[in-house]
Amino acid sequence: MSKSSFDSGNVSGSNTSISATNSIDETIWFTCYVGLGSNLSNELGSPIEHLQQALKNMQNHEKIRKVTVSSFYASVPMGPQDQPDFVNAVAGFETMMSPFDLLGFCQQLEMSAKRARLRHWGERSLDVDILLYGDIQVAEPQLTIPHAGLGERNFVLIPLRELAPHLTILDKPIGDYPQSCDWTGLKLLSDA
């Protein structure tokens, strides 16, 4: 796992839409990005430890390769403000899993950190969201790719831009998204 630039693959141009009933060729490696966040400690660890364990599990998965990770960032909560700040990061990798299999894997990572859904946008031990999956678009009740809130969340765009500064999302360079340059409520964690 490294913090080097992971900029292969463009998420633009000829986008492909799929649904839960469609399948993809599982012999092809797709470039994916996922957002990770945590603001709740439990018996399994601190927020930083939850992210580190999720990244280790990604790195050890047989259908995931070339895992890279951004720096870790502290961010103010997007939802209720009576909760601790979050620790956020973005991971980039290649996978042979379908988007829906990847979603299942992300949910398994959350469950392994004993995530409890207490309230909407509330505290959590681990949140793992698929941000981008190659140039594929998904619009299903259980999964939207690119992630629906991607363009408005600096705690996702800034670490994503760190990993892939030349990435294009839906025909728009990542640097053209205002939140990719807005550090409001965000702080780089140098000791993570």
C-alpha atoms as a PDB file:
ATOM      1  CA  MET A   1       0.000   0.000   0.000  1.00  0.00           C
ATOM      2  CA  SER A   2       1.484   3.320  -0.958  1.00  0.00           C
ATOM      3  CA  LYS A   3       0.640   6.993  -1.026  1.00  0.00           C
ATOM      4  CA  SER A   4       1.922   7.440  -4.573  1.00  0.00           C
ATOM      5  CA  SER A   5      -0.177   8.892  -7.351  1.00  0.00           C
ATOM      6  CA  PHE A   6      -2.749   6.456  -8.723  1.00  0.00           C
ATOM      7  CA  ASP A   7      -3.954   8.115 -11.891  1.00  0.00           C
ATOM      8  CA  SER A   8      -4.607   5.305 -14.315  1.00  0.00           C
ATOM      9  CA  GLY A   9      -8.005   5.295 -15.872  1.00  0.00           C
ATOM     10  CA  ASN A  10     -10.269   8.132 -16.837  1.00  0.00           C
ATOM     11  CA  VAL A  11     -13.813   8.376 -15.613  1.00  0.00           C
ATOM     12  CA  SER A  12     -15.248  10.235 -18.536  1.00  0.00           C
ATOM     13  CA  GLY A  13     -16.169  10.112 -22.158  1.00  0.00           C
ATOM     14  CA  SER A  14     -17.995   6.963 -23.232  1.00  0.00           C
ATOM     15  CA  ASN A  15     -19.613   6.011 -19.949  1.00  0.00           C
ATOM     16  CA  THR A  16     -21.233   2.627 -19.632  1.00  0.00           C
ATOM     17  CA  SER A  17     -24.418   2.215 -17.625  1.00  0.00           C
ATOM     18  CA  ILE A  18     -25.209  -1.021 -15.887  1.00  0.00           C
ATOM     19  CA  SER A  19     -27.933  -2.247 -13.586  1.00  0.00           C
ATOM     20  CA  ALA A  20     -28.149  -4.908 -10.915  1.00  0.00           C
ATOM     21  CA  THR A  21     -29.195  -7.422 -13.577  1.00  0.00           C
ATOM     22  CA  ASN A  22     -26.296  -6.616 -15.922  1.00  0.00           C
ATOM     23  CA  SER A  23     -22.947  -8.272 -15.512  1.00  0.00           C
ATOM     24  CA  ILE A  24     -19.449  -7.236 -16.406  1.00  0.00           C
ATOM     25  CA  ASP A  25     -16.530  -9.244 -17.691  1.00  0.00           C
ATOM     26  CA  GLU A  26     -14.886 -10.439 -14.484  1.00  0.00           C
ATOM     27  CA  THR A  27     -11.592 -11.067 -16.263  1.00  0.00           C
ATOM     28  CA  ILE A  28     -11.014  -7.321 -16.704  1.00  0.00           C
ATOM     29  CA  TRP A  29      -9.394  -5.176 -14.017  1.00  0.00           C
ATOM     30  CA  PHE A  30     -11.291  -1.923 -13.415  1.00  0.00           C
ATOM     31  CA  THR A  31      -9.786   1.140 -11.739  1.00  0.00           C
ATOM     32  CA  CYS A  32     -11.878   2.054  -8.701  1.00  0.00           C
ATOM     33  CA  TYR A  33     -11.835   4.613  -5.939  1.00  0.00           C
ATOM     34  CA  VAL A  34     -13.542   4.274  -2.566  1.00  0.00           C
ATOM     35  CA  GLY A  35     -13.969   6.788   0.222  1.00  0.00           C
ATOM     36  CA  LEU A  36     -13.345   5.737   3.808  1.00  0.00           C
ATOM     37  CA  GLY A  37     -14.473   7.522   6.939  1.00  0.00           C
ATOM     38  CA  SER A  38     -14.670   6.892  10.672  1.00  0.00           C
ATOM     39  CA  ASN A  39     -15.364   8.945  13.771  1.00  0.00           C
ATOM     40  CA  LEU A  40     -16.210   6.311  16.351  1.00  0.00           C
ATOM     41  CA  SER A  41     -13.888   4.204  18.461  1.00  0.00           C
ATOM     42  CA  ASN A  42     -14.978   0.823  19.733  1.00  0.00           C
ATOM     43  CA  GLU A  43     -13.376  -2.321  21.143  1.00  0.00           C
ATOM     44  CA  LEU A  44     -11.816  -2.958  17.706  1.00  0.00           C
ATOM     45  CA  GLY A  45      -9.934   0.321  17.562  1.00  0.00           C
ATOM     46  CA  SER A  46      -9.832   4.035  16.933  1.00  0.00           C
ATOM     47  CA  PRO A  47     -11.057   5.743  13.750  1.00  0.00           C
ATOM     48  CA  ILE A  48      -7.532   5.653  12.280  1.00  0.00           C
ATOM     49  CA  GLU A  49      -7.211   1.964  13.163  1.00  0.00           C
ATOM     50  CA  HIS A  50     -10.583   1.219  11.508  1.00  0.00           C
ATOM     51  CA  LEU A  51      -9.361   2.802   8.265  1.00  0.00           C
ATOM     52  CA  GLN A  52      -6.014   1.015   8.462  1.00  0.00           C
ATOM     53  CA  GLN A  53      -7.707  -2.366   8.965  1.00  0.00           C
ATOM     54  CA  ALA A  54     -10.079  -1.776   6.031  1.00  0.00           C
ATOM     55  CA  LEU A  55      -7.118  -0.882   3.814  1.00  0.00           C
ATOM     56  CA  LYS A  56      -5.270  -4.016   4.928  1.00  0.00           C
ATOM     57  CA  ASN A  57      -8.328  -6.135   4.059  1.00  0.00           C
ATOM     58  CA  MET A  58      -8.484  -4.508   0.609  1.00  0.00           C
ATOM     59  CA  GLN A  59      -4.818  -5.203   0.036  1.00  0.00           C
ATOM     60  CA  ASN A  60      -5.286  -8.876   0.978  1.00  0.00           C
ATOM     61  CA  HIS A  61      -8.360  -9.469  -1.249  1.00  0.00           C
ATOM     62  CA  GLU A  62      -7.668 -11.802  -4.172  1.00  0.00           C
ATOM     63  CA  LYS A  63      -9.690  -9.673  -6.604  1.00  0.00           C
ATOM     64  CA  ILE A  64      -8.049  -6.365  -5.658  1.00  0.00           C
ATOM     65  CA  ARG A  65      -4.571  -5.237  -6.669  1.00  0.00           C
ATOM     66  CA  LYS A  66      -2.418  -2.099  -6.749  1.00  0.00           C
ATOM     67  CA  VAL A  67      -3.976  -0.524  -3.645  1.00  0.00           C
ATOM     68  CA  THR A  68      -2.905   3.060  -3.019  1.00  0.00           C
ATOM     69  CA  VAL A  69      -4.195   5.391  -0.352  1.00  0.00           C
ATOM     70  CA  SER A  70      -4.333   9.121   0.130  1.00  0.00           C
ATOM     71  CA  SER A  71      -3.213  10.900   3.249  1.00  0.00           C
ATOM     72  CA  PHE A  72      -5.628  10.819   6.166  1.00  0.00           C
ATOM     73  CA  TYR A  73      -7.691  13.948   6.818  1.00  0.00           C
ATOM     74  CA  ALA A  74      -9.758  15.177   9.757  1.00  0.00           C
ATOM     75  CA  SER A  75     -13.099  16.657   8.735  1.00  0.00           C
ATOM     76  CA  VAL A  76     -16.020  18.209  10.539  1.00  0.00           C
ATOM     77  CA  PRO A  77     -19.176  16.068  10.410  1.00  0.00           C
ATOM     78  CA  MET A  78     -21.453  16.619   7.441  1.00  0.00           C
ATOM     79  CA  GLY A  79     -24.532  15.720   9.466  1.00  0.00           C
ATOM     80  CA  PRO A  80     -25.333  16.370  13.114  1.00  0.00           C
ATOM     81  CA  GLN A  81     -22.626  18.484  14.721  1.00  0.00           C
ATOM     82  CA  ASP A  82     -22.852  16.821  18.160  1.00  0.00           C
ATOM     83  CA  GLN A  83     -20.427  14.070  17.127  1.00  0.00           C
ATOM     84  CA  PRO A  84     -16.643  13.779  16.819  1.00  0.00           C
ATOM     85  CA  ASP A  85     -14.766  14.883  13.719  1.00  0.00           C
ATOM     86  CA  PHE A  86     -14.205  12.228  11.064  1.00  0.00           C
ATOM     87  CA  VAL A  87     -11.004  10.707   9.775  1.00  0.00           C
ATOM     88  CA  ASN A  88     -11.268  10.365   5.983  1.00  0.00           C
ATOM     89  CA  ALA A  89      -9.163   8.925   3.186  1.00  0.00           C
ATOM     90  CA  VAL A  90      -9.579   7.669  -0.376  1.00  0.00           C
ATOM     91  CA  ALA A  91      -8.199   4.385  -1.685  1.00  0.00           C
ATOM     92  CA  GLY A  92      -7.564   3.629  -5.322  1.00  0.00           C
ATOM     93  CA  PHE A  93      -7.137   0.120  -6.690  1.00  0.00           C
ATOM     94  CA  GLU A  94      -7.900  -2.224  -9.539  1.00  0.00           C
ATOM     95  CA  THR A  95     -10.545  -4.898  -9.092  1.00  0.00           C
ATOM     96  CA  MET A  96     -12.162  -7.750 -10.978  1.00  0.00           C
ATOM     97  CA  MET A  97     -15.275  -7.608  -8.787  1.00  0.00           C
ATOM     98  CA  SER A  98     -18.485  -6.310 -10.294  1.00  0.00           C
ATOM     99  CA  PRO A  99     -19.774  -3.028  -8.837  1.00  0.00           C
ATOM    100  CA  PHE A 100     -22.393  -4.918  -6.820  1.00  0.00           C
ATOM    101  CA  ASP A 101     -19.856  -7.457  -5.535  1.00  0.00           C
ATOM    102  CA  LEU A 102     -17.603  -4.540  -4.577  1.00  0.00           C
ATOM    103  CA  LEU A 103     -20.546  -2.979  -2.742  1.00  0.00           C
ATOM    104  CA  GLY A 104     -20.980  -6.229  -0.808  1.00  0.00           C
ATOM    105  CA  PHE A 105     -17.285  -6.235   0.064  1.00  0.00           C
ATOM    106  CA  CYS A 106     -17.488  -2.612   1.277  1.00  0.00           C
ATOM    107  CA  GLN A 107     -20.456  -3.515   3.466  1.00  0.00           C
ATOM    108  CA  GLN A 108     -18.512  -6.487   4.869  1.00  0.00           C
ATOM    109  CA  LEU A 109     -15.672  -4.119   5.781  1.00  0.00           C
ATOM    110  CA  GLU A 110     -18.169  -1.916   7.638  1.00  0.00           C
ATOM    111  CA  MET A 111     -19.659  -4.900   9.463  1.00  0.00           C
ATOM    112  CA  SER A 112     -16.219  -6.169  10.446  1.00  0.00           C
ATOM    113  CA  ALA A 113     -15.639  -2.811  12.180  1.00  0.00           C
ATOM    114  CA  LYS A 114     -18.978  -3.346  14.005  1.00  0.00           C
ATOM    115  CA  ARG A 115     -20.652  -0.399  12.325  1.00  0.00           C
ATOM    116  CA  ALA A 116     -24.004   0.482  13.879  1.00  0.00           C
ATOM    117  CA  ARG A 117     -26.370   2.789  11.994  1.00  0.00           C
ATOM    118  CA  LEU A 118     -27.594   5.003  14.802  1.00  0.00           C
ATOM    119  CA  ARG A 119     -28.860   7.988  12.787  1.00  0.00           C
ATOM    120  CA  HIS A 120     -28.632   9.486   9.300  1.00  0.00           C
ATOM    121  CA  TRP A 121     -25.176  11.025   8.741  1.00  0.00           C
ATOM    122  CA  GLY A 122     -24.347  10.125  12.321  1.00  0.00           C
ATOM    123  CA  GLU A 123     -21.303   8.681  13.983  1.00  0.00           C
ATOM    124  CA  ARG A 124     -19.904   5.402  12.710  1.00  0.00           C
ATOM    125  CA  SER A 125     -16.933   3.155  13.221  1.00  0.00           C
ATOM    126  CA  LEU A 126     -16.470   2.746   9.465  1.00  0.00           C
ATOM    127  CA  ASP A 127     -18.061   4.013   6.272  1.00  0.00           C
ATOM    128  CA  VAL A 128     -16.811   2.717   2.908  1.00  0.00           C
ATOM    129  CA  ASP A 129     -18.389   4.237  -0.211  1.00  0.00           C
ATOM    130  CA  ILE A 130     -17.698   3.389  -3.838  1.00  0.00           C
ATOM    131  CA  LEU A 131     -16.865   6.699  -5.503  1.00  0.00           C
ATOM    132  CA  LEU A 132     -15.886   5.635  -9.023  1.00  0.00           C
ATOM    133  CA  TYR A 133     -15.732   2.349 -10.896  1.00  0.00           C
ATOM    134  CA  GLY A 134     -13.887   2.792 -14.184  1.00  0.00           C
ATOM    135  CA  ASP A 135     -16.149   4.687 -16.560  1.00  0.00           C
ATOM    136  CA  ILE A 136     -19.225   2.749 -15.474  1.00  0.00           C
ATOM    137  CA  GLN A 137     -22.343   4.520 -14.239  1.00  0.00           C
ATOM    138  CA  VAL A 138     -24.852   2.793 -11.976  1.00  0.00           C
ATOM    139  CA  ALA A 139     -28.217   4.236 -10.934  1.00  0.00           C
ATOM    140  CA  GLU A 140     -29.923   1.682  -8.723  1.00  0.00           C
ATOM    141  CA  PRO A 141     -31.659   2.112  -5.348  1.00  0.00           C
ATOM    142  CA  GLN A 142     -28.817   0.306  -3.544  1.00  0.00           C
ATOM    143  CA  LEU A 143     -25.904   1.780  -5.545  1.00  0.00           C
ATOM    144  CA  THR A 144     -25.135   4.988  -7.440  1.00  0.00           C
ATOM    145  CA  ILE A 145     -21.846   5.387  -9.315  1.00  0.00           C
ATOM    146  CA  PRO A 146     -20.322   7.936  -9.499  1.00  0.00           C
ATOM    147  CA  HIS A 147     -21.260   8.486  -5.857  1.00  0.00           C
ATOM    148  CA  ALA A 148     -24.187  10.898  -5.647  1.00  0.00           C
ATOM    149  CA  GLY A 149     -22.457  13.376  -3.310  1.00  0.00           C
ATOM    150  CA  LEU A 150     -19.009  13.200  -4.867  1.00  0.00           C
ATOM    151  CA  GLY A 151     -18.960  16.700  -6.374  1.00  0.00           C
ATOM    152  CA  GLU A 152     -20.002  18.458  -3.142  1.00  0.00           C
ATOM    153  CA  ARG A 153     -17.702  16.787  -0.594  1.00  0.00           C
ATOM    154  CA  ASN A 154     -14.245  18.237  -0.052  1.00  0.00           C
ATOM    155  CA  PHE A 155     -13.369  15.421   2.360  1.00  0.00           C
ATOM    156  CA  VAL A 156     -13.656  13.095  -0.649  1.00  0.00           C
ATOM    157  CA  LEU A 157     -12.483  15.297  -3.529  1.00  0.00           C
ATOM    158  CA  ILE A 158      -9.290  16.577  -1.894  1.00  0.00           C
ATOM    159  CA  PRO A 159      -7.927  13.096  -1.076  1.00  0.00           C
ATOM    160  CA  LEU A 160      -9.154  11.810  -4.453  1.00  0.00           C
ATOM    161  CA  ARG A 161      -7.342  14.654  -6.203  1.00  0.00           C
ATOM    162  CA  GLU A 162      -4.227  13.815  -4.166  1.00  0.00           C
ATOM    163  CA  LEU A 163      -4.289  10.279  -5.614  1.00  0.00           C
ATOM    164  CA  ALA A 164      -5.378  11.197  -9.152  1.00  0.00           C
ATOM    165  CA  PRO A 165      -4.711  14.877  -9.942  1.00  0.00           C
ATOM    166  CA  HIS A 166      -5.528  14.449 -13.631  1.00  0.00           C
ATOM    167  CA  LEU A 167      -8.722  12.443 -13.145  1.00  0.00           C
ATOM    168  CA  THR A 168     -11.770  13.401 -15.180  1.00  0.00           C
ATOM    169  CA  ILE A 169     -15.189  12.719 -13.648  1.00  0.00           C
ATOM    170  CA  LEU A 170     -18.195  12.836 -15.977  1.00  0.00           C
ATOM    171  CA  ASP A 171     -16.266  14.854 -18.577  1.00  0.00           C
ATOM    172  CA  LYS A 172     -15.056  17.383 -15.996  1.00  0.00           C
ATOM    173  CA  PRO A 173     -11.475  17.577 -14.663  1.00  0.00           C
ATOM    174  CA  ILE A 174     -11.361  16.985 -10.922  1.00  0.00           C
ATOM    175  CA  GLY A 175      -9.676  20.378 -10.430  1.00  0.00           C
ATOM    176  CA  ASP A 176     -12.764  22.074 -11.892  1.00  0.00           C
ATOM    177  CA  TYR A 177     -14.894  20.894  -8.967  1.00  0.00           C
ATOM    178  CA  PRO A 178     -14.771  23.791  -6.472  1.00  0.00           C
ATOM    179  CA  GLN A 179     -14.785  21.440  -3.472  1.00  0.00           C
ATOM    180  CA  SER A 180     -11.547  19.821  -4.698  1.00  0.00           C
ATOM    181  CA  CYS A 181      -9.722  23.019  -3.636  1.00  0.00           C
ATOM    182  CA  ASP A 182     -11.815  24.036  -0.607  1.00  0.00           C
ATOM    183  CA  TRP A 183     -10.169  23.134   2.706  1.00  0.00           C
ATOM    184  CA  THR A 184     -13.038  24.426   4.856  1.00  0.00           C
ATOM    185  CA  GLY A 185     -13.461  22.090   7.842  1.00  0.00           C
ATOM    186  CA  LEU A 186     -10.625  19.847   6.642  1.00  0.00           C
ATOM    187  CA  LYS A 187      -7.172  19.257   8.105  1.00  0.00           C
ATOM    188  CA  LEU A 188      -4.340  16.995   6.969  1.00  0.00           C
ATOM    189  CA  LEU A 189      -3.388  14.471   9.642  1.00  0.00           C
ATOM    190  CA  SER A 190       0.386  14.236   9.499  1.00  0.00           C
ATOM    191  CA  ASP A 191       0.656  11.472  12.114  1.00  0.00           C
ATOM    192  CA  ALA A 192      -1.692   9.044  10.366  1.00  0.00           C
END
